[in-house]
Amino acid sequence: MEVMKVLDEIEELVDGSGRVPLTGKVIIEAEALLDRVDRIRSLLPEELRQAQWVSKERDRILNDAQKEAEELLSKTHLEVKNLAQETEVVKEANTQAGNIIMEAQQKALEIEEGANSYAFDVLKSLEDNLSKILNIVKKGQEELKREETNV
């Protein structure tokens, strides 16, 4: 993930910068920091596009699962009708149909839960990354403001 690489560069910039004795502050070349902040800004739209893709992919997976469940149900009903034509097999057909329906519903539920879990995990990861980026940017801005007031 490119944003994380740029954040690592900012961290290296801070770690490699000269320290102001007895203050815990560092002197950072403003242009170098601002260059990295601009790079992060340019990368964020890509991260947002990825989040939109995840959302669309989740919807597609859910739609596919729904279609598959409907097809399974349709096939089940057809099988039930065919089996019901023979009276001795009616009970067996009902049992099998019920099992198939339950399996289809369970499979659809599992697919939906998996898609929701995947989408949540990806969006949570994106949220965490964006929070980290925002914190670094805010710290950089605060440091620049402090340096301006100390100058």
N, C-alpha and C. Protein backbone atom coordinates (compact mmCIF):
# COMPACT_ATOMS: atom_id res chain seq x y z
N MET A 1 0.85 -1.16 0.00
CA MET A 1 0.00 0.00 0.00
C MET A 1 0.90 1.23 0.00
N GLU A 2 0.76 2.05 -1.01
CA GLU A 2 1.64 3.20 -1.22
C GLU A 2 1.57 4.21 -0.07
N VAL A 3 0.38 4.41 0.48
CA VAL A 3 0.23 5.38 1.56
C VAL A 3 1.11 4.99 2.74
N MET A 4 1.16 3.70 3.03
CA MET A 4 1.98 3.24 4.16
C MET A 4 3.46 3.49 3.89
N LYS A 5 3.90 3.35 2.64
CA LYS A 5 5.29 3.62 2.30
C LYS A 5 5.62 5.09 2.55
N VAL A 6 4.72 5.98 2.15
CA VAL A 6 4.96 7.41 2.36
C VAL A 6 4.97 7.72 3.85
N LEU A 7 4.09 7.08 4.61
CA LEU A 7 4.10 7.28 6.06
C LEU A 7 5.41 6.80 6.67
N ASP A 8 5.93 5.70 6.17
CA ASP A 8 7.24 5.23 6.63
C ASP A 8 8.33 6.25 6.31
N GLU A 9 8.23 6.88 5.14
CA GLU A 9 9.20 7.91 4.77
C GLU A 9 9.12 9.09 5.74
N ILE A 10 7.91 9.47 6.11
CA ILE A 10 7.75 10.58 7.06
C ILE A 10 8.36 10.21 8.39
N GLU A 11 8.12 8.99 8.81
CA GLU A 11 8.69 8.52 10.08
C GLU A 11 10.22 8.54 10.02
N GLU A 12 10.78 8.09 8.90
CA GLU A 12 12.23 8.12 8.73
C GLU A 12 12.75 9.55 8.72
N LEU A 13 11.99 10.45 8.10
CA LEU A 13 12.37 11.86 8.07
C LEU A 13 12.43 12.43 9.48
N VAL A 14 11.44 12.10 10.29
CA VAL A 14 11.42 12.58 11.68
C VAL A 14 12.57 11.97 12.46
N ASP A 15 12.75 10.65 12.32
CA ASP A 15 13.82 9.96 13.06
C ASP A 15 15.20 10.45 12.64
N GLY A 16 15.36 10.79 11.37
CA GLY A 16 16.67 11.19 10.87
C GLY A 16 16.94 12.68 10.96
N SER A 17 16.00 13.45 11.48
CA SER A 17 16.18 14.90 11.57
C SER A 17 16.96 15.27 12.82
N GLY A 18 17.55 16.46 12.76
CA GLY A 18 18.31 16.96 13.90
C GLY A 18 17.41 17.26 15.08
N ARG A 19 17.90 17.03 16.26
CA ARG A 19 17.14 17.23 17.49
C ARG A 19 17.53 18.57 18.13
N VAL A 20 16.54 19.21 18.75
CA VAL A 20 16.79 20.42 19.52
C VAL A 20 17.08 19.97 20.94
N PRO A 21 18.28 20.26 21.44
CA PRO A 21 18.67 19.77 22.77
C PRO A 21 17.68 20.18 23.86
N LEU A 22 17.42 19.24 24.75
CA LEU A 22 16.61 19.44 25.96
C LEU A 22 15.13 19.74 25.69
N THR A 23 14.66 19.58 24.45
CA THR A 23 13.26 19.89 24.17
C THR A 23 12.47 18.69 23.64
N GLY A 24 13.14 17.71 23.13
CA GLY A 24 12.43 16.58 22.53
C GLY A 24 11.88 16.92 21.15
N LYS A 25 12.23 18.09 20.64
CA LYS A 25 11.74 18.50 19.33
C LYS A 25 12.79 18.19 18.27
N VAL A 26 12.31 18.10 17.03
CA VAL A 26 13.21 17.87 15.92
C VAL A 26 13.06 18.99 14.91
N ILE A 27 14.09 19.18 14.14
CA ILE A 27 14.05 20.17 13.07
C ILE A 27 13.87 19.40 11.77
N ILE A 28 12.75 19.66 11.11
CA ILE A 28 12.42 18.94 9.88
C ILE A 28 12.40 19.94 8.74
N GLU A 29 12.97 19.52 7.62
CA GLU A 29 12.93 20.36 6.44
C GLU A 29 11.47 20.40 5.96
N ALA A 30 10.89 21.58 5.99
CA ALA A 30 9.47 21.73 5.69
C ALA A 30 9.13 21.21 4.29
N GLU A 31 9.97 21.51 3.32
CA GLU A 31 9.69 21.09 1.95
C GLU A 31 9.63 19.57 1.83
N ALA A 32 10.52 18.88 2.53
CA ALA A 32 10.53 17.41 2.49
C ALA A 32 9.25 16.85 3.10
N LEU A 33 8.82 17.41 4.24
CA LEU A 33 7.60 16.94 4.88
C LEU A 33 6.38 17.25 4.03
N LEU A 34 6.31 18.48 3.52
CA LEU A 34 5.16 18.88 2.70
C LEU A 34 5.08 18.06 1.41
N ASP A 35 6.23 17.70 0.86
CA ASP A 35 6.25 16.84 -0.33
C ASP A 35 5.58 15.51 -0.03
N ARG A 36 5.87 14.94 1.11
CA ARG A 36 5.29 13.65 1.47
C ARG A 36 3.80 13.78 1.79
N VAL A 37 3.41 14.88 2.41
CA VAL A 37 1.99 15.13 2.68
C VAL A 37 1.23 15.23 1.36
N ASP A 38 1.82 15.93 0.37
CA ASP A 38 1.18 16.03 -0.94
C ASP A 38 1.05 14.66 -1.60
N ARG A 39 2.07 13.83 -1.44
CA ARG A 39 2.00 12.48 -2.01
C ARG A 39 0.88 11.68 -1.36
N ILE A 40 0.72 11.82 -0.05
CA ILE A 40 -0.37 11.11 0.64
C ILE A 40 -1.71 11.59 0.10
N ARG A 41 -1.85 12.89 -0.06
CA ARG A 41 -3.11 13.43 -0.58
C ARG A 41 -3.42 12.87 -1.96
N SER A 42 -2.39 12.74 -2.79
CA SER A 42 -2.63 12.22 -4.14
C SER A 42 -2.97 10.73 -4.12
N LEU A 43 -2.51 10.01 -3.09
CA LEU A 43 -2.78 8.57 -2.99
C LEU A 43 -4.15 8.27 -2.38
N LEU A 44 -4.68 9.16 -1.59
CA LEU A 44 -5.95 8.90 -0.90
C LEU A 44 -7.10 8.59 -1.85
N PRO A 45 -7.23 9.30 -2.98
CA PRO A 45 -8.34 8.94 -3.87
C PRO A 45 -8.28 7.47 -4.30
N GLU A 46 -7.08 6.93 -4.49
CA GLU A 46 -6.96 5.51 -4.85
C GLU A 46 -7.50 4.62 -3.73
N GLU A 47 -7.18 4.97 -2.48
CA GLU A 47 -7.68 4.20 -1.35
C GLU A 47 -9.21 4.25 -1.31
N LEU A 48 -9.77 5.40 -1.60
CA LEU A 48 -11.23 5.54 -1.60
C LEU A 48 -11.84 4.73 -2.74
N ARG A 49 -11.18 4.72 -3.90
CA ARG A 49 -11.68 3.90 -5.02
C ARG A 49 -11.67 2.42 -4.63
N GLN A 50 -10.65 2.01 -3.91
CA GLN A 50 -10.59 0.62 -3.47
C GLN A 50 -11.75 0.31 -2.53
N ALA A 51 -12.07 1.24 -1.65
CA ALA A 51 -13.19 1.02 -0.73
C ALA A 51 -14.50 0.90 -1.50
N GLN A 52 -14.67 1.75 -2.53
CA GLN A 52 -15.87 1.66 -3.35
C GLN A 52 -15.93 0.32 -4.09
N TRP A 53 -14.76 -0.13 -4.57
CA TRP A 53 -14.71 -1.41 -5.26
C TRP A 53 -15.13 -2.53 -4.31
N VAL A 54 -14.65 -2.48 -3.08
CA VAL A 54 -14.99 -3.50 -2.09
C VAL A 54 -16.50 -3.51 -1.87
N SER A 55 -17.08 -2.33 -1.77
CA SER A 55 -18.52 -2.25 -1.55
C SER A 55 -19.29 -2.84 -2.74
N LYS A 56 -18.86 -2.50 -3.96
CA LYS A 56 -19.52 -3.04 -5.15
C LYS A 56 -19.32 -4.55 -5.24
N GLU A 57 -18.11 -5.00 -4.90
CA GLU A 57 -17.82 -6.44 -4.94
C GLU A 57 -18.69 -7.18 -3.94
N ARG A 58 -18.88 -6.59 -2.77
CA ARG A 58 -19.75 -7.19 -1.75
C ARG A 58 -21.17 -7.33 -2.30
N ASP A 59 -21.67 -6.24 -2.92
CA ASP A 59 -23.02 -6.29 -3.49
C ASP A 59 -23.12 -7.36 -4.58
N ARG A 60 -22.08 -7.47 -5.41
CA ARG A 60 -22.09 -8.47 -6.47
C ARG A 60 -22.12 -9.88 -5.87
N ILE A 61 -21.31 -10.10 -4.84
CA ILE A 61 -21.27 -11.41 -4.20
C ILE A 61 -22.63 -11.75 -3.59
N LEU A 62 -23.25 -10.76 -2.95
CA LEU A 62 -24.57 -10.99 -2.36
C LEU A 62 -25.61 -11.29 -3.43
N ASN A 63 -25.55 -10.55 -4.54
CA ASN A 63 -26.49 -10.80 -5.64
C ASN A 63 -26.28 -12.20 -6.23
N ASP A 64 -25.02 -12.57 -6.41
CA ASP A 64 -24.73 -13.91 -6.93
C ASP A 64 -25.25 -14.98 -5.97
N ALA A 65 -25.04 -14.76 -4.69
CA ALA A 65 -25.52 -15.73 -3.69
C ALA A 65 -27.04 -15.83 -3.73
N GLN A 66 -27.70 -14.69 -3.87
CA GLN A 66 -29.16 -14.69 -3.94
C GLN A 66 -29.64 -15.44 -5.18
N LYS A 67 -28.99 -15.18 -6.33
CA LYS A 67 -29.37 -15.88 -7.56
C LYS A 67 -29.15 -17.38 -7.42
N GLU A 68 -28.01 -17.75 -6.84
CA GLU A 68 -27.71 -19.17 -6.66
C GLU A 68 -28.75 -19.82 -5.74
N ALA A 69 -29.13 -19.12 -4.68
CA ALA A 69 -30.13 -19.66 -3.77
C ALA A 69 -31.48 -19.81 -4.48
N GLU A 70 -31.84 -18.82 -5.30
CA GLU A 70 -33.10 -18.89 -6.04
C GLU A 70 -33.08 -20.05 -7.04
N GLU A 71 -31.93 -20.23 -7.71
CA GLU A 71 -31.82 -21.35 -8.65
C GLU A 71 -31.94 -22.69 -7.92
N LEU A 72 -31.28 -22.78 -6.77
CA LEU A 72 -31.37 -24.01 -5.98
C LEU A 72 -32.81 -24.25 -5.53
N LEU A 73 -33.49 -23.20 -5.11
CA LEU A 73 -34.88 -23.35 -4.69
C LEU A 73 -35.77 -23.76 -5.86
N SER A 74 -35.53 -23.16 -7.01
CA SER A 74 -36.31 -23.50 -8.20
C SER A 74 -36.09 -24.97 -8.58
N LYS A 75 -34.83 -25.39 -8.57
CA LYS A 75 -34.53 -26.79 -8.87
C LYS A 75 -35.17 -27.72 -7.84
N THR A 76 -35.15 -27.28 -6.60
CA THR A 76 -35.74 -28.08 -5.53
C THR A 76 -37.24 -28.26 -5.74
N HIS A 77 -37.92 -27.18 -6.07
CA HIS A 77 -39.36 -27.27 -6.31
C HIS A 77 -39.66 -28.19 -7.49
N LEU A 78 -38.85 -28.11 -8.52
CA LEU A 78 -39.04 -28.99 -9.68
C LEU A 78 -38.82 -30.44 -9.28
N GLU A 79 -37.78 -30.68 -8.50
CA GLU A 79 -37.53 -32.05 -8.04
C GLU A 79 -38.68 -32.55 -7.16
N VAL A 80 -39.21 -31.68 -6.34
CA VAL A 80 -40.33 -32.06 -5.47
C VAL A 80 -41.53 -32.46 -6.31
N LYS A 81 -41.84 -31.69 -7.33
CA LYS A 81 -42.98 -32.02 -8.19
C LYS A 81 -42.78 -33.37 -8.87
N ASN A 82 -41.57 -33.60 -9.36
CA ASN A 82 -41.29 -34.87 -10.04
C ASN A 82 -41.39 -36.05 -9.08
N LEU A 83 -40.87 -35.88 -7.88
CA LEU A 83 -40.92 -36.96 -6.90
C LEU A 83 -42.34 -37.20 -6.38
N ALA A 84 -43.12 -36.16 -6.32
CA ALA A 84 -44.47 -36.28 -5.78
C ALA A 84 -45.40 -37.06 -6.70
N GLN A 85 -45.01 -37.27 -7.94
CA GLN A 85 -45.85 -38.03 -8.87
C GLN A 85 -46.01 -39.48 -8.42
N GLU A 86 -45.09 -39.98 -7.71
CA GLU A 86 -45.20 -41.35 -7.20
C GLU A 86 -45.55 -41.27 -5.72
N THR A 87 -46.69 -41.85 -5.35
CA THR A 87 -47.20 -41.70 -3.99
C THR A 87 -46.30 -42.29 -2.92
N GLU A 88 -45.63 -43.37 -3.21
CA GLU A 88 -44.76 -43.97 -2.21
C GLU A 88 -43.53 -43.11 -1.93
N VAL A 89 -43.21 -42.24 -2.86
CA VAL A 89 -41.99 -41.44 -2.75
C VAL A 89 -42.28 -40.03 -2.22
N VAL A 90 -43.55 -39.72 -2.00
CA VAL A 90 -43.92 -38.36 -1.60
C VAL A 90 -43.24 -37.95 -0.29
N LYS A 91 -43.26 -38.81 0.70
CA LYS A 91 -42.64 -38.46 1.98
C LYS A 91 -41.14 -38.23 1.82
N GLU A 92 -40.50 -39.10 1.06
CA GLU A 92 -39.07 -38.96 0.83
C GLU A 92 -38.77 -37.66 0.08
N ALA A 93 -39.62 -37.34 -0.89
CA ALA A 93 -39.42 -36.11 -1.66
C ALA A 93 -39.53 -34.88 -0.78
N ASN A 94 -40.52 -34.88 0.09
CA ASN A 94 -40.69 -33.74 1.00
C ASN A 94 -39.49 -33.59 1.93
N THR A 95 -39.00 -34.70 2.41
CA THR A 95 -37.83 -34.66 3.30
C THR A 95 -36.62 -34.12 2.55
N GLN A 96 -36.38 -34.65 1.36
CA GLN A 96 -35.24 -34.20 0.57
C GLN A 96 -35.38 -32.73 0.18
N ALA A 97 -36.57 -32.34 -0.20
CA ALA A 97 -36.80 -30.94 -0.58
C ALA A 97 -36.52 -30.01 0.59
N GLY A 98 -37.01 -30.40 1.74
CA GLY A 98 -36.76 -29.58 2.93
C GLY A 98 -35.27 -29.47 3.24
N ASN A 99 -34.56 -30.59 3.11
CA ASN A 99 -33.12 -30.57 3.35
C ASN A 99 -32.39 -29.69 2.34
N ILE A 100 -32.79 -29.82 1.08
CA ILE A 100 -32.15 -29.02 0.03
C ILE A 100 -32.42 -27.54 0.26
N ILE A 101 -33.66 -27.22 0.61
CA ILE A 101 -34.00 -25.82 0.89
C ILE A 101 -33.19 -25.30 2.06
N MET A 102 -33.10 -26.09 3.12
CA MET A 102 -32.32 -25.66 4.29
C MET A 102 -30.85 -25.48 3.92
N GLU A 103 -30.32 -26.40 3.13
CA GLU A 103 -28.92 -26.29 2.70
C GLU A 103 -28.71 -25.05 1.84
N ALA A 104 -29.65 -24.80 0.93
CA ALA A 104 -29.53 -23.63 0.06
C ALA A 104 -29.60 -22.35 0.88
N GLN A 105 -30.52 -22.30 1.83
CA GLN A 105 -30.64 -21.12 2.68
C GLN A 105 -29.40 -20.95 3.55
N GLN A 106 -28.88 -22.04 4.08
CA GLN A 106 -27.67 -21.99 4.91
C GLN A 106 -26.48 -21.51 4.09
N LYS A 107 -26.36 -22.06 2.86
CA LYS A 107 -25.25 -21.66 2.00
C LYS A 107 -25.35 -20.18 1.65
N ALA A 108 -26.56 -19.72 1.32
CA ALA A 108 -26.75 -18.30 1.00
C ALA A 108 -26.40 -17.44 2.21
N LEU A 109 -26.79 -17.87 3.39
CA LEU A 109 -26.48 -17.13 4.62
C LEU A 109 -24.97 -17.10 4.86
N GLU A 110 -24.30 -18.23 4.67
CA GLU A 110 -22.85 -18.28 4.86
C GLU A 110 -22.13 -17.37 3.87
N ILE A 111 -22.56 -17.39 2.62
CA ILE A 111 -21.95 -16.53 1.61
C ILE A 111 -22.16 -15.07 1.97
N GLU A 112 -23.38 -14.73 2.38
CA GLU A 112 -23.68 -13.35 2.76
C GLU A 112 -22.85 -12.93 3.96
N GLU A 113 -22.75 -13.79 4.97
CA GLU A 113 -21.95 -13.46 6.15
C GLU A 113 -20.48 -13.30 5.79
N GLY A 114 -19.99 -14.17 4.93
CA GLY A 114 -18.60 -14.07 4.49
C GLY A 114 -18.34 -12.78 3.74
N ALA A 115 -19.27 -12.42 2.85
CA ALA A 115 -19.12 -11.17 2.09
C ALA A 115 -19.16 -9.97 3.02
N ASN A 116 -20.09 -9.99 3.97
CA ASN A 116 -20.18 -8.88 4.93
C ASN A 116 -18.92 -8.79 5.77
N SER A 117 -18.42 -9.91 6.22
CA SER A 117 -17.21 -9.94 7.05
C SER A 117 -16.02 -9.41 6.26
N TYR A 118 -15.89 -9.86 5.01
CA TYR A 118 -14.79 -9.41 4.16
C TYR A 118 -14.88 -7.90 3.94
N ALA A 119 -16.06 -7.42 3.58
CA ALA A 119 -16.23 -5.98 3.34
C ALA A 119 -15.93 -5.19 4.61
N PHE A 120 -16.40 -5.68 5.76
CA PHE A 120 -16.15 -4.98 7.02
C PHE A 120 -14.65 -4.93 7.31
N ASP A 121 -13.97 -6.06 7.14
CA ASP A 121 -12.53 -6.12 7.42
C ASP A 121 -11.75 -5.15 6.53
N VAL A 122 -12.09 -5.12 5.24
CA VAL A 122 -11.38 -4.24 4.32
C VAL A 122 -11.66 -2.78 4.67
N LEU A 123 -12.92 -2.47 4.94
CA LEU A 123 -13.26 -1.09 5.29
C LEU A 123 -12.65 -0.69 6.63
N LYS A 124 -12.58 -1.62 7.58
CA LYS A 124 -11.95 -1.33 8.88
C LYS A 124 -10.46 -1.06 8.69
N SER A 125 -9.82 -1.86 7.86
CA SER A 125 -8.40 -1.66 7.58
C SER A 125 -8.17 -0.31 6.92
N LEU A 126 -9.03 0.03 5.98
CA LEU A 126 -8.92 1.33 5.32
C LEU A 126 -9.13 2.45 6.33
N GLU A 127 -10.12 2.30 7.21
CA GLU A 127 -10.37 3.31 8.24
C GLU A 127 -9.15 3.48 9.14
N ASP A 128 -8.56 2.37 9.56
CA ASP A 128 -7.37 2.41 10.42
C ASP A 128 -6.21 3.12 9.72
N ASN A 129 -6.00 2.79 8.44
CA ASN A 129 -4.91 3.42 7.69
C ASN A 129 -5.15 4.92 7.53
N LEU A 130 -6.38 5.29 7.23
CA LEU A 130 -6.70 6.70 7.06
C LEU A 130 -6.56 7.45 8.39
N SER A 131 -6.91 6.81 9.50
CA SER A 131 -6.75 7.43 10.81
C SER A 131 -5.28 7.67 11.11
N LYS A 132 -4.44 6.68 10.79
CA LYS A 132 -3.00 6.83 11.01
C LYS A 132 -2.44 7.97 10.17
N ILE A 133 -2.87 8.02 8.92
CA ILE A 133 -2.40 9.08 8.03
C ILE A 133 -2.81 10.43 8.58
N LEU A 134 -4.07 10.54 8.99
CA LEU A 134 -4.57 11.80 9.52
C LEU A 134 -3.79 12.22 10.76
N ASN A 135 -3.51 11.28 11.65
CA ASN A 135 -2.73 11.60 12.85
C ASN A 135 -1.34 12.09 12.50
N ILE A 136 -0.69 11.45 11.54
CA ILE A 136 0.66 11.86 11.15
C ILE A 136 0.62 13.25 10.54
N VAL A 137 -0.36 13.49 9.68
CA VAL A 137 -0.48 14.81 9.06
C VAL A 137 -0.72 15.88 10.12
N LYS A 138 -1.62 15.60 11.09
CA LYS A 138 -1.89 16.57 12.15
C LYS A 138 -0.64 16.83 12.98
N LYS A 139 0.11 15.78 13.29
CA LYS A 139 1.34 15.96 14.06
C LYS A 139 2.34 16.80 13.29
N GLY A 140 2.43 16.55 12.00
CA GLY A 140 3.33 17.34 11.16
C GLY A 140 2.92 18.79 11.13
N GLN A 141 1.61 19.04 11.02
CA GLN A 141 1.12 20.41 11.01
C GLN A 141 1.39 21.10 12.35
N GLU A 142 1.15 20.37 13.43
CA GLU A 142 1.41 20.95 14.75
C GLU A 142 2.89 21.27 14.92
N GLU A 143 3.74 20.40 14.44
CA GLU A 143 5.18 20.62 14.55
C GLU A 143 5.58 21.85 13.75
N LEU A 144 5.02 21.99 12.55
CA LEU A 144 5.33 23.16 11.74
C LEU A 144 4.83 24.44 12.41
N LYS A 145 3.65 24.39 13.02
CA LYS A 145 3.13 25.57 13.73
C LYS A 145 4.03 25.93 14.90
N ARG A 146 4.47 24.91 15.64
CA ARG A 146 5.37 25.16 16.78
C ARG A 146 6.69 25.76 16.31
N GLU A 147 7.19 25.27 15.19
CA GLU A 147 8.44 25.80 14.67
C GLU A 147 8.26 27.25 14.22
N GLU A 148 7.10 27.55 13.64
CA GLU A 148 6.84 28.92 13.20
C GLU A 148 6.77 29.88 14.40
N THR A 149 6.18 29.41 15.49
CA THR A 149 6.09 30.28 16.67
C THR A 149 7.42 30.41 17.37
N ASN A 150 8.30 29.43 17.22
CA ASN A 150 9.63 29.48 17.84
C ASN A 150 10.61 30.29 17.01
N VAL A 151 10.29 30.56 15.76
CA VAL A 151 11.23 31.26 14.87
C VAL A 151 11.23 32.73 15.13
